[in-house]
């Protein structure tokens, strides 16, 4: 069993990882700007693909 504890944003976070199965138990902080940038990147790629399809017709 692996265990990790750290502080982020003034809150304590704890994670347990089973060395046998690899199962992870615990919560983790989410970064709003990283999620937003991922969504924006996916939308940009979809827009480029749609634009390429429309231009090629």
Protein backbone atom coordinates (compact mmCIF):
# COMPACT_ATOMS: atom_id res chain seq x y z
CA UNK A 1 0.00 0.00 0.00
CA UNK A 2 1.32 3.42 -1.00
CA UNK A 3 0.04 6.51 0.76
CA UNK A 4 0.48 10.18 -0.07
CA UNK A 5 -0.63 13.32 1.69
CA UNK A 6 -0.17 16.90 0.62
CA UNK A 7 -1.63 20.38 1.03
CA UNK A 8 -3.17 22.32 -1.84
CA UNK A 9 -5.22 25.47 -1.55
CA UNK A 10 -5.10 25.35 2.23
CA UNK A 11 -6.73 21.91 2.31
CA UNK A 12 -5.13 18.54 3.15
CA UNK A 13 -5.45 15.80 0.51
CA UNK A 14 -4.77 12.10 1.10
CA UNK A 15 -4.42 9.32 -1.48
CA UNK A 16 -4.00 5.56 -1.00
CA UNK A 17 -2.74 3.33 -3.83
CA UNK A 18 -2.82 -0.47 -3.74
CA UNK A 19 0.55 -1.83 -4.89
CA UNK A 20 -1.13 -5.10 -5.91
CA UNK A 21 -4.11 -3.90 -7.96
CA UNK A 22 -3.21 -0.27 -8.67
CA UNK A 23 -6.57 0.87 -7.29
CA UNK A 24 -6.50 4.51 -6.17
CA UNK A 25 -8.64 5.72 -3.28
CA UNK A 26 -8.96 9.38 -2.37
CA UNK A 27 -9.98 12.77 -3.68
CA UNK A 28 -7.89 15.22 -5.62
CA UNK A 29 -8.22 18.91 -6.45
CA UNK A 30 -9.38 19.90 -9.92
CA UNK A 31 -7.94 22.88 -11.75
CA UNK A 32 -10.68 24.98 -13.37
CA UNK A 33 -8.29 26.64 -15.86
CA UNK A 34 -6.86 23.28 -16.98
CA UNK A 35 -10.35 21.87 -17.55
CA UNK A 36 -11.38 25.03 -19.42
CA UNK A 37 -8.26 24.92 -21.61
CA UNK A 38 -8.90 21.26 -22.46
CA UNK A 39 -12.49 22.01 -23.47
CA UNK A 40 -11.33 25.01 -25.51
CA UNK A 41 -8.66 22.93 -27.26
CA UNK A 42 -11.15 20.21 -28.16
CA UNK A 43 -13.60 22.79 -29.51
CA UNK A 44 -10.83 24.41 -31.57
CA UNK A 45 -9.85 21.06 -33.10
CA UNK A 46 -13.50 20.29 -33.92
CA UNK A 47 -13.90 23.75 -35.50
CA UNK A 48 -10.80 23.23 -37.65
CA UNK A 49 -12.02 19.81 -38.79
CA UNK A 50 -15.47 21.14 -39.62
CA UNK A 51 -13.89 24.06 -41.48
CA UNK A 52 -11.69 21.68 -43.49
CA UNK A 53 -14.69 19.56 -44.43
CA UNK A 54 -16.75 22.60 -45.51
CA UNK A 55 -13.89 24.06 -47.58
CA UNK A 56 -13.17 20.75 -49.33
CA UNK A 57 -16.73 20.46 -50.66
